[in-house]
């Protein structure tokens, strides 16, 4: 969006571009579609990843608790037991 607001000259400062790419001109030709994609479609797509409900605990790439599998959040004693079962020792 910043590139559209600042103009064509900004592309000369972007590494790998000597002139604006084709998609930039298409975005300028259709600002309504650009607005919908930038402010409606992309945030919805990103939000779908954030709301997966996943809470997983790994130790050395081994899954020791998964909210997706159990359907609930763990309590502290469960996490401690799972960490101990994975070979970790309590500090003391």
N, C-alpha and C. Protein backbone atom coordinates (compact mmCIF):
# COMPACT_ATOMS: atom_id res chain seq x y z
N UNK A 1 0.82 -1.18 0.00
CA UNK A 1 0.00 0.00 0.00
C UNK A 1 0.87 1.25 0.00
N UNK A 2 1.98 1.15 0.74
CA UNK A 2 2.89 2.30 0.81
C UNK A 2 3.46 2.63 -0.57
N UNK A 3 3.72 1.59 -1.36
CA UNK A 3 4.26 1.83 -2.70
C UNK A 3 3.27 2.59 -3.57
N UNK A 4 2.00 2.28 -3.41
CA UNK A 4 0.98 2.96 -4.21
C UNK A 4 0.88 4.42 -3.81
N UNK A 5 0.99 4.70 -2.52
CA UNK A 5 0.88 6.07 -2.03
C UNK A 5 2.10 6.92 -2.35
N UNK A 6 3.28 6.32 -2.42
CA UNK A 6 4.49 7.10 -2.63
C UNK A 6 4.85 7.29 -4.10
N UNK A 7 4.31 6.50 -4.97
CA UNK A 7 4.56 6.70 -6.39
C UNK A 7 5.54 5.72 -7.00
N UNK A 8 5.69 5.83 -8.31
CA UNK A 8 6.49 4.90 -9.09
C UNK A 8 7.98 4.97 -8.77
N UNK A 9 8.47 6.12 -8.36
CA UNK A 9 9.90 6.31 -8.13
C UNK A 9 10.46 5.48 -6.99
N UNK A 10 9.62 5.08 -6.07
CA UNK A 10 10.08 4.31 -4.92
C UNK A 10 10.62 2.94 -5.32
N UNK A 11 10.14 2.41 -6.44
CA UNK A 11 10.58 1.09 -6.88
C UNK A 11 12.07 1.04 -7.19
N UNK A 12 12.67 2.16 -7.52
CA UNK A 12 14.10 2.16 -7.82
C UNK A 12 14.93 1.89 -6.56
N UNK A 13 14.33 2.06 -5.37
CA UNK A 13 15.03 1.78 -4.12
C UNK A 13 14.80 0.36 -3.62
N UNK A 14 13.88 -0.37 -4.23
CA UNK A 14 13.59 -1.74 -3.83
C UNK A 14 14.57 -2.67 -4.54
N UNK A 15 15.33 -3.47 -3.77
CA UNK A 15 16.31 -4.36 -4.40
C UNK A 15 15.64 -5.33 -5.39
N UNK A 16 16.25 -5.47 -6.54
CA UNK A 16 15.75 -6.39 -7.55
C UNK A 16 14.79 -5.76 -8.55
N UNK A 17 14.45 -4.49 -8.37
CA UNK A 17 13.53 -3.82 -9.28
C UNK A 17 14.18 -2.57 -9.86
N UNK A 18 14.19 -2.48 -11.17
CA UNK A 18 14.67 -1.26 -11.80
C UNK A 18 13.50 -0.37 -12.20
N UNK A 19 12.32 -0.99 -12.29
CA UNK A 19 11.09 -0.27 -12.60
C UNK A 19 9.94 -0.98 -11.90
N UNK A 20 8.79 -0.35 -11.81
CA UNK A 20 7.66 -1.02 -11.14
C UNK A 20 7.25 -2.30 -11.86
N UNK A 21 6.91 -3.34 -11.09
CA UNK A 21 6.46 -4.60 -11.70
C UNK A 21 5.05 -4.47 -12.25
N UNK A 22 4.64 -5.43 -13.04
CA UNK A 22 3.33 -5.40 -13.70
C UNK A 22 2.18 -5.39 -12.70
N UNK A 23 2.30 -6.16 -11.60
CA UNK A 23 1.19 -6.20 -10.64
C UNK A 23 0.92 -4.84 -10.02
N UNK A 24 1.96 -4.00 -9.92
CA UNK A 24 1.80 -2.66 -9.37
C UNK A 24 0.87 -1.83 -10.25
N UNK A 25 1.05 -1.92 -11.55
CA UNK A 25 0.18 -1.16 -12.47
C UNK A 25 -1.25 -1.69 -12.42
N UNK A 26 -1.40 -3.00 -12.28
CA UNK A 26 -2.75 -3.57 -12.18
C UNK A 26 -3.44 -3.12 -10.90
N UNK A 27 -2.68 -3.01 -9.83
CA UNK A 27 -3.24 -2.52 -8.57
C UNK A 27 -3.68 -1.06 -8.71
N UNK A 28 -2.89 -0.27 -9.41
CA UNK A 28 -3.24 1.14 -9.60
C UNK A 28 -4.47 1.29 -10.50
N UNK A 29 -4.62 0.38 -11.47
CA UNK A 29 -5.77 0.44 -12.37
C UNK A 29 -7.07 0.05 -11.67
N UNK A 30 -7.00 -0.76 -10.65
CA UNK A 30 -8.20 -1.23 -9.98
C UNK A 30 -8.07 -1.03 -8.46
N UNK A 31 -8.22 0.21 -8.00
CA UNK A 31 -8.01 0.47 -6.56
C UNK A 31 -9.05 -0.20 -5.66
N UNK A 32 -10.28 -0.40 -6.14
CA UNK A 32 -11.30 -1.05 -5.31
C UNK A 32 -10.91 -2.49 -5.01
N UNK A 33 -10.45 -3.21 -6.01
CA UNK A 33 -10.02 -4.58 -5.80
C UNK A 33 -8.79 -4.63 -4.90
N UNK A 34 -7.87 -3.71 -5.10
CA UNK A 34 -6.68 -3.63 -4.26
C UNK A 34 -7.08 -3.41 -2.81
N UNK A 35 -8.02 -2.50 -2.58
CA UNK A 35 -8.49 -2.22 -1.23
C UNK A 35 -9.08 -3.49 -0.59
N UNK A 36 -9.92 -4.19 -1.34
CA UNK A 36 -10.55 -5.39 -0.81
C UNK A 36 -9.51 -6.46 -0.46
N UNK A 37 -8.54 -6.64 -1.33
CA UNK A 37 -7.52 -7.66 -1.08
C UNK A 37 -6.67 -7.28 0.13
N UNK A 38 -6.21 -6.03 0.18
CA UNK A 38 -5.30 -5.61 1.25
C UNK A 38 -5.99 -5.55 2.60
N UNK A 39 -7.22 -5.05 2.64
CA UNK A 39 -7.87 -4.82 3.92
C UNK A 39 -8.91 -5.87 4.31
N UNK A 40 -9.32 -6.73 3.40
CA UNK A 40 -10.33 -7.73 3.73
C UNK A 40 -9.82 -9.16 3.56
N UNK A 41 -9.25 -9.47 2.42
CA UNK A 41 -8.86 -10.85 2.13
C UNK A 41 -7.60 -11.25 2.91
N UNK A 42 -6.55 -10.46 2.82
CA UNK A 42 -5.29 -10.82 3.48
C UNK A 42 -5.47 -10.93 5.00
N UNK A 43 -6.11 -9.96 5.68
CA UNK A 43 -6.29 -10.13 7.13
C UNK A 43 -7.12 -11.36 7.50
N UNK A 44 -8.13 -11.69 6.71
CA UNK A 44 -8.93 -12.89 6.99
C UNK A 44 -8.07 -14.14 6.87
N UNK A 45 -7.22 -14.18 5.88
CA UNK A 45 -6.33 -15.31 5.67
C UNK A 45 -5.36 -15.45 6.84
N UNK A 46 -4.77 -14.35 7.25
CA UNK A 46 -3.82 -14.37 8.36
C UNK A 46 -4.53 -14.77 9.65
N UNK A 47 -5.73 -14.25 9.87
CA UNK A 47 -6.49 -14.55 11.08
C UNK A 47 -6.84 -16.03 11.19
N UNK A 48 -7.07 -16.68 10.06
CA UNK A 48 -7.41 -18.10 10.09
C UNK A 48 -6.27 -18.93 10.68
N UNK A 49 -5.04 -18.50 10.50
CA UNK A 49 -3.91 -19.20 11.10
C UNK A 49 -3.81 -18.91 12.58
N UNK A 50 -4.13 -17.68 12.97
CA UNK A 50 -4.03 -17.30 14.37
C UNK A 50 -5.10 -17.96 15.22
N UNK A 51 -6.24 -18.30 14.67
CA UNK A 51 -7.34 -18.88 15.43
C UNK A 51 -7.44 -20.39 15.30
N UNK A 52 -6.35 -21.05 15.08
CA UNK A 52 -6.40 -22.50 14.95
C UNK A 52 -6.69 -23.19 16.28
N UNK A 53 -6.45 -22.48 17.38
CA UNK A 53 -6.68 -23.07 18.69
C UNK A 53 -5.54 -23.96 19.14
N UNK A 54 -4.46 -23.94 18.42
CA UNK A 54 -3.34 -24.82 18.74
C UNK A 54 -2.57 -24.30 19.95
N UNK A 55 -2.27 -25.22 20.85
CA UNK A 55 -1.34 -24.97 21.95
C UNK A 55 -0.60 -26.28 22.12
N UNK A 56 0.64 -26.27 21.71
CA UNK A 56 1.42 -27.50 21.74
C UNK A 56 2.75 -27.26 22.44
N UNK A 57 3.18 -28.26 23.20
CA UNK A 57 4.44 -28.19 23.91
C UNK A 57 5.35 -29.27 23.35
N UNK A 58 6.53 -28.85 22.92
CA UNK A 58 7.52 -29.77 22.36
C UNK A 58 8.78 -29.76 23.21
N UNK A 59 9.41 -30.92 23.33
CA UNK A 59 10.73 -31.03 23.94
C UNK A 59 11.59 -31.80 22.94
N UNK A 60 12.65 -31.16 22.49
CA UNK A 60 13.55 -31.77 21.50
C UNK A 60 12.77 -32.33 20.31
N UNK A 61 11.88 -31.54 19.78
CA UNK A 61 11.07 -31.88 18.60
C UNK A 61 10.08 -33.01 18.86
N UNK A 62 9.88 -33.40 20.14
CA UNK A 62 8.91 -34.43 20.49
C UNK A 62 7.69 -33.74 21.12
N UNK A 63 6.53 -34.03 20.60
CA UNK A 63 5.30 -33.44 21.11
C UNK A 63 4.95 -34.09 22.44
N UNK A 64 4.81 -33.25 23.49
CA UNK A 64 4.45 -33.80 24.80
C UNK A 64 3.05 -33.38 25.24
N UNK A 65 2.49 -32.35 24.64
CA UNK A 65 1.10 -31.98 24.91
C UNK A 65 0.54 -31.25 23.70
N UNK A 66 -0.71 -31.56 23.35
CA UNK A 66 -1.38 -30.91 22.24
C UNK A 66 -2.83 -30.62 22.60
N UNK A 67 -3.17 -29.33 22.59
CA UNK A 67 -4.56 -28.95 22.83
C UNK A 67 -5.45 -29.44 21.70
N UNK A 68 -4.92 -29.52 20.50
CA UNK A 68 -5.70 -30.01 19.38
C UNK A 68 -6.10 -31.46 19.57
N UNK A 69 -5.22 -32.25 20.20
CA UNK A 69 -5.53 -33.67 20.43
C UNK A 69 -6.45 -33.88 21.63
N UNK A 70 -6.21 -33.11 22.72
CA UNK A 70 -6.98 -33.32 23.94
C UNK A 70 -8.25 -32.47 24.00
N UNK A 71 -8.27 -31.37 23.27
CA UNK A 71 -9.43 -30.49 23.27
C UNK A 71 -9.49 -29.55 24.46
N UNK A 72 -8.41 -29.45 25.21
CA UNK A 72 -8.39 -28.58 26.38
C UNK A 72 -6.97 -28.08 26.65
N UNK A 73 -6.88 -27.05 27.48
CA UNK A 73 -5.57 -26.53 27.88
C UNK A 73 -5.03 -27.38 29.02
N UNK A 74 -3.71 -27.52 29.10
CA UNK A 74 -3.14 -28.31 30.19
C UNK A 74 -3.09 -27.50 31.48
N UNK A 75 -3.01 -28.19 32.60
CA UNK A 75 -2.74 -27.48 33.85
C UNK A 75 -1.26 -27.65 34.16
N UNK A 76 -0.77 -26.92 35.15
CA UNK A 76 0.67 -26.92 35.44
C UNK A 76 1.19 -28.31 35.81
N UNK A 77 0.50 -29.06 36.69
CA UNK A 77 1.03 -30.40 37.01
C UNK A 77 1.14 -31.31 35.79
N UNK A 78 0.21 -31.18 34.85
CA UNK A 78 0.30 -32.01 33.63
C UNK A 78 1.54 -31.68 32.82
N UNK A 79 1.83 -30.41 32.70
CA UNK A 79 3.01 -30.00 31.94
C UNK A 79 4.27 -30.47 32.65
N UNK A 80 4.31 -30.33 33.98
CA UNK A 80 5.47 -30.77 34.74
C UNK A 80 5.68 -32.27 34.57
N UNK A 81 4.59 -33.07 34.69
CA UNK A 81 4.70 -34.53 34.51
C UNK A 81 5.18 -34.87 33.10
N UNK A 82 4.66 -34.18 32.10
CA UNK A 82 5.06 -34.46 30.72
C UNK A 82 6.52 -34.10 30.49
N UNK A 83 6.98 -33.00 31.09
CA UNK A 83 8.39 -32.62 30.97
C UNK A 83 9.28 -33.63 31.67
N UNK A 84 8.86 -34.10 32.86
CA UNK A 84 9.64 -35.11 33.57
C UNK A 84 9.67 -36.42 32.79
N UNK A 85 8.54 -36.78 32.18
CA UNK A 85 8.49 -38.01 31.38
C UNK A 85 9.38 -37.90 30.15
N UNK A 86 9.60 -36.69 29.68
CA UNK A 86 10.46 -36.47 28.53
C UNK A 86 11.94 -36.42 28.90
N UNK A 87 12.22 -36.56 30.22
CA UNK A 87 13.62 -36.61 30.64
C UNK A 87 14.13 -35.37 31.32
N UNK A 88 13.30 -34.35 31.49
CA UNK A 88 13.76 -33.14 32.17
C UNK A 88 13.65 -33.34 33.67
N UNK A 89 14.57 -32.72 34.43
CA UNK A 89 14.58 -32.84 35.88
C UNK A 89 14.20 -31.51 36.50
N UNK A 90 13.56 -31.59 37.66
CA UNK A 90 13.20 -30.36 38.38
C UNK A 90 14.44 -29.73 38.97
N UNK A 91 14.45 -28.40 38.95
CA UNK A 91 15.54 -27.68 39.61
C UNK A 91 15.29 -27.66 41.10
N UNK A 92 16.30 -27.62 41.85
CA UNK A 92 16.01 -27.67 43.27
C UNK A 92 17.10 -27.32 44.13
